[in-house]
Amino acid sequence: LAGGPTDASRVMRRRGTPTAVAGPMITPDGSVGYVHYPGANRLLAAAHCADLPDCDILLVQGEVSAATSLHAARIIRRRGGHVLLNPAPIEDMTDQLLEVATAVSLNQFEARRLLRVDDDVDGIELAQRLHREGRAAVVTMGAKGAAWCDEHGPGSAAPPPVDTTDITAAGASFNAALAISIAEGSSLEQAVALANAAGAYSSTVVGAEPSLPTRAQAQALLAAV
């Protein structure tokens, strides 16, 4: 990370504790599942978030404990920032963390587990059920793109067509682009469009970190549609 455009100055190191590991596995239907060990991520505590810098948006997810994420999210909300919640994995998710989020983004399988609904509930309905006043919802649907719902109503959009090679980091790329667009004040429809392009670009490159697109790469793919 330090060798790229990412500011890694606030990354913490814990001696004697392994870094988190997620091993991707291709499932029989062509999707990707993961065997995940959280490692040092689970040791991030509320005390480590005491001096959070100001930001327009905070992205939190399920690899860090819900208590720590909630503490950080409340700090940013009090300062007027957005909180984008990606509850993956969802095992440690709490109602309080969902309530503090201004947007929630998750895949259709996680959404069904969270809502405890059957497999026949589609992406748009999942997004509608997750939407609350003050909280937008986005549900990704793999090659079908993503559905969303906010105060303007529901919608869905397909990603740009690509030759898929490896979808390991597609979700991370999607949520990063979604967060940037929300922070910049884009509509949810516009934010999902850029996020779809980022996720699609990522799926054309083998590997996780090498496949993370730049903004220009995602925008170029979107413009080519």
C-alpha atoms as a PDB file:
ATOM      1  CA  LEU A   1       0.000   0.000   0.000  1.00  0.00           C
ATOM      2  CA  ALA A   2       2.786   2.412   0.905  1.00  0.00           C
ATOM      3  CA  GLY A   3       4.164   2.176  -2.629  1.00  0.00           C
ATOM      4  CA  GLY A   4       0.921   3.283  -4.256  1.00  0.00           C
ATOM      5  CA  PRO A   5      -1.528   6.182  -3.980  1.00  0.00           C
ATOM      6  CA  THR A   6      -2.951   4.953  -0.658  1.00  0.00           C
ATOM      7  CA  ASP A   7      -2.078   6.795   2.554  1.00  0.00           C
ATOM      8  CA  ALA A   8      -0.919   3.952   4.790  1.00  0.00           C
ATOM      9  CA  SER A   9       0.371   6.155   7.602  1.00  0.00           C
ATOM     10  CA  ARG A  10      -2.438   5.116   9.962  1.00  0.00           C
ATOM     11  CA  VAL A  11      -2.131   1.375   9.410  1.00  0.00           C
ATOM     12  CA  MET A  12      -1.455  -0.282  12.768  1.00  0.00           C
ATOM     13  CA  ARG A  13       0.909  -3.205  13.292  1.00  0.00           C
ATOM     14  CA  ARG A  14       0.380  -5.774  16.038  1.00  0.00           C
ATOM     15  CA  ARG A  15       3.390  -7.900  16.925  1.00  0.00           C
ATOM     16  CA  GLY A  16       2.669 -11.597  17.176  1.00  0.00           C
ATOM     17  CA  THR A  17      -0.715 -11.294  15.448  1.00  0.00           C
ATOM     18  CA  PRO A  18      -1.231 -12.517  11.875  1.00  0.00           C
ATOM     19  CA  THR A  19      -2.712 -10.313   9.195  1.00  0.00           C
ATOM     20  CA  ALA A  20      -6.248 -11.166   8.101  1.00  0.00           C
ATOM     21  CA  VAL A  21      -6.478 -13.758   5.346  1.00  0.00           C
ATOM     22  CA  ALA A  22      -9.356 -14.497   2.962  1.00  0.00           C
ATOM     23  CA  GLY A  23      -8.978 -17.449   0.617  1.00  0.00           C
ATOM     24  CA  PRO A  24     -11.295 -17.219  -2.415  1.00  0.00           C
ATOM     25  CA  MET A  25     -13.017 -20.354  -3.676  1.00  0.00           C
ATOM     26  CA  ILE A  26     -15.021 -20.737  -6.870  1.00  0.00           C
ATOM     27  CA  THR A  27     -18.423 -22.201  -6.036  1.00  0.00           C
ATOM     28  CA  PRO A  28     -20.293 -24.624  -8.350  1.00  0.00           C
ATOM     29  CA  ASP A  29     -22.472 -21.828  -9.748  1.00  0.00           C
ATOM     30  CA  GLY A  30     -19.411 -19.749 -10.736  1.00  0.00           C
ATOM     31  CA  SER A  31     -19.609 -17.330  -7.820  1.00  0.00           C
ATOM     32  CA  VAL A  32     -16.805 -16.718  -5.335  1.00  0.00           C
ATOM     33  CA  GLY A  33     -16.946 -17.753  -1.682  1.00  0.00           C
ATOM     34  CA  TYR A  34     -14.307 -17.172   0.973  1.00  0.00           C
ATOM     35  CA  VAL A  35     -12.676 -18.939   3.871  1.00  0.00           C
ATOM     36  CA  HIS A  36     -11.843 -16.020   6.130  1.00  0.00           C
ATOM     37  CA  TYR A  37      -9.604 -15.548   9.159  1.00  0.00           C
ATOM     38  CA  PRO A  38      -9.920 -11.995  10.592  1.00  0.00           C
ATOM     39  CA  GLY A  39      -6.562 -11.948  12.381  1.00  0.00           C
ATOM     40  CA  ALA A  40      -5.437  -8.490  13.483  1.00  0.00           C
ATOM     41  CA  ASN A  41      -8.636  -6.859  12.213  1.00  0.00           C
ATOM     42  CA  ARG A  42     -10.531  -8.207  15.217  1.00  0.00           C
ATOM     43  CA  LEU A  43      -8.070  -6.517  17.573  1.00  0.00           C
ATOM     44  CA  LEU A  44      -8.933  -3.033  16.344  1.00  0.00           C
ATOM     45  CA  ALA A  45     -10.634  -1.456  19.359  1.00  0.00           C
ATOM     46  CA  ALA A  46     -12.656   1.691  20.003  1.00  0.00           C
ATOM     47  CA  ALA A  47      -9.622   3.259  21.704  1.00  0.00           C
ATOM     48  CA  HIS A  48      -7.729   3.108  18.410  1.00  0.00           C
ATOM     49  CA  CYS A  49     -10.400   5.354  16.853  1.00  0.00           C
ATOM     50  CA  ALA A  50     -10.090   8.175  19.378  1.00  0.00           C
ATOM     51  CA  ASP A  51      -8.256  10.502  16.983  1.00  0.00           C
ATOM     52  CA  LEU A  52     -10.087   9.782  13.755  1.00  0.00           C
ATOM     53  CA  PRO A  53      -9.440  12.531  11.210  1.00  0.00           C
ATOM     54  CA  ASP A  54     -12.375  14.407   9.688  1.00  0.00           C
ATOM     55  CA  CYS A  55     -13.721  12.791   6.536  1.00  0.00           C
ATOM     56  CA  ASP A  56     -16.663  13.086   4.176  1.00  0.00           C
ATOM     57  CA  ILE A  57     -17.437   9.369   4.393  1.00  0.00           C
ATOM     58  CA  LEU A  58     -16.397   6.419   6.552  1.00  0.00           C
ATOM     59  CA  LEU A  59     -16.560   2.913   5.073  1.00  0.00           C
ATOM     60  CA  VAL A  60     -16.957   0.161   7.670  1.00  0.00           C
ATOM     61  CA  GLN A  61     -17.336  -3.586   7.160  1.00  0.00           C
ATOM     62  CA  GLY A  62     -17.729  -6.837   9.028  1.00  0.00           C
ATOM     63  CA  GLU A  63     -14.073  -7.831   9.411  1.00  0.00           C
ATOM     64  CA  VAL A  64     -13.684  -5.314  12.257  1.00  0.00           C
ATOM     65  CA  SER A  65     -15.818  -5.869  15.349  1.00  0.00           C
ATOM     66  CA  ALA A  66     -19.252  -4.258  15.260  1.00  0.00           C
ATOM     67  CA  ALA A  67     -18.547  -2.441  18.546  1.00  0.00           C
ATOM     68  CA  THR A  68     -15.449  -0.734  17.113  1.00  0.00           C
ATOM     69  CA  SER A  69     -17.182   0.107  13.843  1.00  0.00           C
ATOM     70  CA  LEU A  70     -20.149   1.546  15.739  1.00  0.00           C
ATOM     71  CA  HIS A  71     -17.871   3.740  17.847  1.00  0.00           C
ATOM     72  CA  ALA A  72     -16.101   5.104  14.762  1.00  0.00           C
ATOM     73  CA  ALA A  73     -19.365   5.543  12.852  1.00  0.00           C
ATOM     74  CA  ARG A  74     -20.925   7.596  15.640  1.00  0.00           C
ATOM     75  CA  ILE A  75     -17.904   9.916  15.692  1.00  0.00           C
ATOM     76  CA  ILE A  76     -18.168  10.592  11.961  1.00  0.00           C
ATOM     77  CA  ARG A  77     -21.957  11.010  12.084  1.00  0.00           C
ATOM     78  CA  ARG A  78     -21.626  13.602  14.868  1.00  0.00           C
ATOM     79  CA  ARG A  79     -19.239  15.519  12.613  1.00  0.00           C
ATOM     80  CA  GLY A  80     -21.739  15.481   9.752  1.00  0.00           C
ATOM     81  CA  GLY A  81     -20.096  12.782   7.629  1.00  0.00           C
ATOM     82  CA  HIS A  82     -21.616   9.830   5.805  1.00  0.00           C
ATOM     83  CA  VAL A  83     -21.216   6.226   6.951  1.00  0.00           C
ATOM     84  CA  LEU A  84     -21.259   3.480   4.324  1.00  0.00           C
ATOM     85  CA  LEU A  85     -21.728   0.045   5.870  1.00  0.00           C
ATOM     86  CA  ASN A  86     -20.651  -3.083   4.008  1.00  0.00           C
ATOM     87  CA  PRO A  87     -21.762  -5.835   6.429  1.00  0.00           C
ATOM     88  CA  ALA A  88     -19.513  -8.579   5.113  1.00  0.00           C
ATOM     89  CA  PRO A  89     -19.220 -10.962   6.757  1.00  0.00           C
ATOM     90  CA  ILE A  90     -22.549 -10.392   8.491  1.00  0.00           C
ATOM     91  CA  GLU A  91     -22.099 -12.674  11.513  1.00  0.00           C
ATOM     92  CA  ASP A  92     -21.248  -9.840  13.914  1.00  0.00           C
ATOM     93  CA  MET A  93     -23.695  -7.292  12.535  1.00  0.00           C
ATOM     94  CA  THR A  94     -25.948  -5.416  14.970  1.00  0.00           C
ATOM     95  CA  ASP A  95     -29.100  -3.334  14.678  1.00  0.00           C
ATOM     96  CA  GLN A  96     -27.241  -0.346  16.163  1.00  0.00           C
ATOM     97  CA  LEU A  97     -24.627  -0.415  13.421  1.00  0.00           C
ATOM     98  CA  LEU A  98     -27.291  -0.641  10.731  1.00  0.00           C
ATOM     99  CA  GLU A  99     -29.139   2.302  12.287  1.00  0.00           C
ATOM    100  CA  VAL A 100     -26.098   4.602  12.337  1.00  0.00           C
ATOM    101  CA  ALA A 101     -25.267   3.990   8.654  1.00  0.00           C
ATOM    102  CA  THR A 102     -26.373   6.521   6.040  1.00  0.00           C
ATOM    103  CA  ALA A 103     -25.975   3.865   3.333  1.00  0.00           C
ATOM    104  CA  VAL A 104     -25.656   0.087   3.358  1.00  0.00           C
ATOM    105  CA  SER A 105     -24.117  -1.937   0.538  1.00  0.00           C
ATOM    106  CA  LEU A 106     -24.034  -5.735   0.415  1.00  0.00           C
ATOM    107  CA  ASN A 107     -24.481  -8.579  -2.022  1.00  0.00           C
ATOM    108  CA  GLN A 108     -27.771 -10.343  -2.592  1.00  0.00           C
ATOM    109  CA  PHE A 109     -26.787 -13.432  -0.584  1.00  0.00           C
ATOM    110  CA  GLU A 110     -25.782 -11.361   2.449  1.00  0.00           C
ATOM    111  CA  ALA A 111     -28.950  -9.279   2.112  1.00  0.00           C
ATOM    112  CA  ARG A 112     -31.154 -12.370   2.188  1.00  0.00           C
ATOM    113  CA  ARG A 113     -29.364 -13.702   5.259  1.00  0.00           C
ATOM    114  CA  LEU A 114     -29.612 -10.349   7.007  1.00  0.00           C
ATOM    115  CA  LEU A 115     -33.302  -9.972   6.208  1.00  0.00           C
ATOM    116  CA  ARG A 116     -34.037 -13.693   6.677  1.00  0.00           C
ATOM    117  CA  VAL A 117     -35.921 -14.000   3.418  1.00  0.00           C
ATOM    118  CA  ASP A 118     -36.117 -16.665   0.718  1.00  0.00           C
ATOM    119  CA  ASP A 119     -33.920 -16.900  -2.373  1.00  0.00           C
ATOM    120  CA  ASP A 120     -36.745 -15.749  -4.628  1.00  0.00           C
ATOM    121  CA  VAL A 121     -36.659 -12.177  -3.229  1.00  0.00           C
ATOM    122  CA  ASP A 122     -34.902 -10.151  -5.941  1.00  0.00           C
ATOM    123  CA  GLY A 123     -32.355  -7.349  -5.650  1.00  0.00           C
ATOM    124  CA  ILE A 124     -34.766  -4.442  -5.955  1.00  0.00           C
ATOM    125  CA  GLU A 125     -37.055  -5.805  -3.254  1.00  0.00           C
ATOM    126  CA  LEU A 126     -34.061  -6.493  -1.015  1.00  0.00           C
ATOM    127  CA  ALA A 127     -32.910  -2.891  -1.431  1.00  0.00           C
ATOM    128  CA  GLN A 128     -36.415  -1.634  -0.679  1.00  0.00           C
ATOM    129  CA  ARG A 129     -36.574  -3.674   2.523  1.00  0.00           C
ATOM    130  CA  LEU A 130     -33.152  -2.431   3.648  1.00  0.00           C
ATOM    131  CA  HIS A 131     -33.950   1.216   2.918  1.00  0.00           C
ATOM    132  CA  ARG A 132     -34.977   3.399   5.821  1.00  0.00           C
ATOM    133  CA  GLU A 133     -35.484   7.129   6.225  1.00  0.00           C
ATOM    134  CA  GLY A 134     -31.974   8.556   6.244  1.00  0.00           C
ATOM    135  CA  ARG A 135     -30.396   5.303   5.000  1.00  0.00           C
ATOM    136  CA  ALA A 136     -29.955   4.340   1.364  1.00  0.00           C
ATOM    137  CA  ALA A 137     -29.497   0.707   0.360  1.00  0.00           C
ATOM    138  CA  VAL A 138     -27.516  -0.936  -2.440  1.00  0.00           C
ATOM    139  CA  VAL A 139     -27.609  -4.654  -3.248  1.00  0.00           C
ATOM    140  CA  THR A 140     -25.105  -6.125  -5.696  1.00  0.00           C
ATOM    141  CA  MET A 141     -26.197  -8.962  -7.979  1.00  0.00           C
ATOM    142  CA  GLY A 142     -23.008 -10.159  -9.633  1.00  0.00           C
ATOM    143  CA  ALA A 143     -23.096 -10.013 -13.432  1.00  0.00           C
ATOM    144  CA  LYS A 144     -26.586  -8.454 -13.257  1.00  0.00           C
ATOM    145  CA  GLY A 145     -25.187  -5.306 -11.625  1.00  0.00           C
ATOM    146  CA  ALA A 146     -26.798  -3.684  -8.619  1.00  0.00           C
ATOM    147  CA  ALA A 147     -30.152  -2.529  -7.263  1.00  0.00           C
ATOM    148  CA  TRP A 148     -30.688   0.443  -4.993  1.00  0.00           C
ATOM    149  CA  CYS A 149     -33.318   2.295  -3.054  1.00  0.00           C
ATOM    150  CA  ASP A 150     -33.276   5.741  -1.446  1.00  0.00           C
ATOM    151  CA  GLU A 151     -35.720   8.582  -0.842  1.00  0.00           C
ATOM    152  CA  HIS A 152     -36.192   8.894  -4.615  1.00  0.00           C
ATOM    153  CA  GLY A 153     -37.276   5.275  -4.971  1.00  0.00           C
ATOM    154  CA  PRO A 154     -35.771   2.016  -6.236  1.00  0.00           C
ATOM    155  CA  GLY A 155     -33.755   1.282  -9.341  1.00  0.00           C
ATOM    156  CA  SER A 156     -31.256  -1.102 -10.859  1.00  0.00           C
ATOM    157  CA  ALA A 157     -28.473  -1.031 -13.430  1.00  0.00           C
ATOM    158  CA  ALA A 158     -26.306  -3.572 -15.202  1.00  0.00           C
ATOM    159  CA  PRO A 159     -22.513  -3.194 -15.288  1.00  0.00           C
ATOM    160  CA  PRO A 160     -20.564  -2.478 -18.484  1.00  0.00           C
ATOM    161  CA  PRO A 161     -19.979  -5.699 -20.450  1.00  0.00           C
ATOM    162  CA  VAL A 162     -16.500  -7.178 -19.902  1.00  0.00           C
ATOM    163  CA  ASP A 163     -14.643 -10.452 -20.328  1.00  0.00           C
ATOM    164  CA  THR A 164     -14.544 -11.665 -16.728  1.00  0.00           C
ATOM    165  CA  THR A 165     -11.338 -13.284 -15.491  1.00  0.00           C
ATOM    166  CA  ASP A 166     -11.345 -13.060 -11.681  1.00  0.00           C
ATOM    167  CA  ILE A 167     -14.036 -11.472  -9.491  1.00  0.00           C
ATOM    168  CA  THR A 168     -12.102 -11.696  -6.214  1.00  0.00           C
ATOM    169  CA  ALA A 169     -11.847  -7.927  -5.627  1.00  0.00           C
ATOM    170  CA  ALA A 170     -14.974  -6.844  -7.505  1.00  0.00           C
ATOM    171  CA  GLY A 171     -16.917  -6.160  -4.306  1.00  0.00           C
ATOM    172  CA  ALA A 172     -14.121  -4.111  -2.752  1.00  0.00           C
ATOM    173  CA  SER A 173     -13.744  -2.093  -5.950  1.00  0.00           C
ATOM    174  CA  PHE A 174     -17.504  -1.544  -6.131  1.00  0.00           C
ATOM    175  CA  ASN A 175     -17.748  -0.247  -2.571  1.00  0.00           C
ATOM    176  CA  ALA A 176     -14.709   2.011  -2.866  1.00  0.00           C
ATOM    177  CA  ALA A 177     -16.163   3.716  -5.934  1.00  0.00           C
ATOM    178  CA  LEU A 178     -19.583   3.901  -4.289  1.00  0.00           C
ATOM    179  CA  ALA A 179     -18.099   5.626  -1.241  1.00  0.00           C
ATOM    180  CA  ILE A 180     -16.219   8.174  -3.344  1.00  0.00           C
ATOM    181  CA  SER A 181     -19.314   9.043  -5.355  1.00  0.00           C
ATOM    182  CA  ILE A 182     -21.506   9.415  -2.267  1.00  0.00           C
ATOM    183  CA  ALA A 183     -18.891  11.652  -0.637  1.00  0.00           C
ATOM    184  CA  GLU A 184     -18.845  13.849  -3.739  1.00  0.00           C
ATOM    185  CA  GLY A 185     -22.606  14.335  -3.592  1.00  0.00           C
ATOM    186  CA  SER A 186     -23.556  12.211  -6.602  1.00  0.00           C
ATOM    187  CA  SER A 187     -27.041  10.762  -6.815  1.00  0.00           C
ATOM    188  CA  LEU A 188     -27.292   7.115  -5.791  1.00  0.00           C
ATOM    189  CA  GLU A 189     -27.972   6.181  -9.408  1.00  0.00           C
ATOM    190  CA  GLN A 190     -24.761   7.926 -10.506  1.00  0.00           C
ATOM    191  CA  ALA A 191     -22.818   6.394  -7.630  1.00  0.00           C
ATOM    192  CA  VAL A 192     -23.975   2.882  -8.534  1.00  0.00           C
ATOM    193  CA  ALA A 193     -23.045   3.453 -12.181  1.00  0.00           C
ATOM    194  CA  LEU A 194     -19.429   4.280 -11.275  1.00  0.00           C
ATOM    195  CA  ALA A 195     -19.344   1.452  -8.737  1.00  0.00           C
ATOM    196  CA  ASN A 196     -20.610  -1.014 -11.345  1.00  0.00           C
ATOM    197  CA  ALA A 197     -17.841   0.085 -13.703  1.00  0.00           C
ATOM    198  CA  ALA A 198     -15.194  -0.253 -10.999  1.00  0.00           C
ATOM    199  CA  GLY A 199     -16.371  -3.741 -10.085  1.00  0.00           C
ATOM    200  CA  ALA A 200     -16.535  -4.769 -13.743  1.00  0.00           C
ATOM    201  CA  TYR A 201     -13.003  -3.506 -14.439  1.00  0.00           C
ATOM    202  CA  SER A 202     -11.678  -5.358 -11.411  1.00  0.00           C
ATOM    203  CA  SER A 203     -13.084  -8.632 -12.717  1.00  0.00           C
ATOM    204  CA  THR A 204     -10.916  -8.404 -15.860  1.00  0.00           C
ATOM    205  CA  VAL A 205      -7.612  -8.627 -13.941  1.00  0.00           C
ATOM    206  CA  VAL A 206      -6.241 -11.641 -12.068  1.00  0.00           C
ATOM    207  CA  GLY A 207      -5.562 -11.106  -8.377  1.00  0.00           C
ATOM    208  CA  ALA A 208      -7.041  -8.886  -5.686  1.00  0.00           C
ATOM    209  CA  GLU A 209      -4.755  -5.874  -5.231  1.00  0.00           C
ATOM    210  CA  PRO A 210      -3.579  -5.723  -8.893  1.00  0.00           C
ATOM    211  CA  SER A 211      -7.188  -5.564 -10.068  1.00  0.00           C
ATOM    212  CA  LEU A 212      -8.230  -2.513  -8.036  1.00  0.00           C
ATOM    213  CA  PRO A 213      -8.976   0.138 -10.686  1.00  0.00           C
ATOM    214  CA  THR A 214      -8.106   3.796 -10.725  1.00  0.00           C
ATOM    215  CA  ARG A 215     -10.930   6.281 -11.088  1.00  0.00           C
ATOM    216  CA  ALA A 216      -9.848   6.986 -14.671  1.00  0.00           C
ATOM    217  CA  GLN A 217     -10.020   3.285 -15.577  1.00  0.00           C
ATOM    218  CA  ALA A 218     -13.528   2.940 -14.152  1.00  0.00           C
ATOM    219  CA  GLN A 219     -14.728   6.120 -15.856  1.00  0.00           C
ATOM    220  CA  ALA A 220     -13.242   5.044 -19.187  1.00  0.00           C
ATOM    221  CA  LEU A 221     -15.100   1.743 -19.028  1.00  0.00           C
ATOM    222  CA  LEU A 222     -18.309   3.561 -18.141  1.00  0.00           C
ATOM    223  CA  ALA A 223     -17.870   6.029 -21.012  1.00  0.00           C
ATOM    224  CA  ALA A 224     -17.396   3.198 -23.507  1.00  0.00           C
ATOM    225  CA  VAL A 225     -20.896   1.829 -22.898  1.00  0.00           C
END
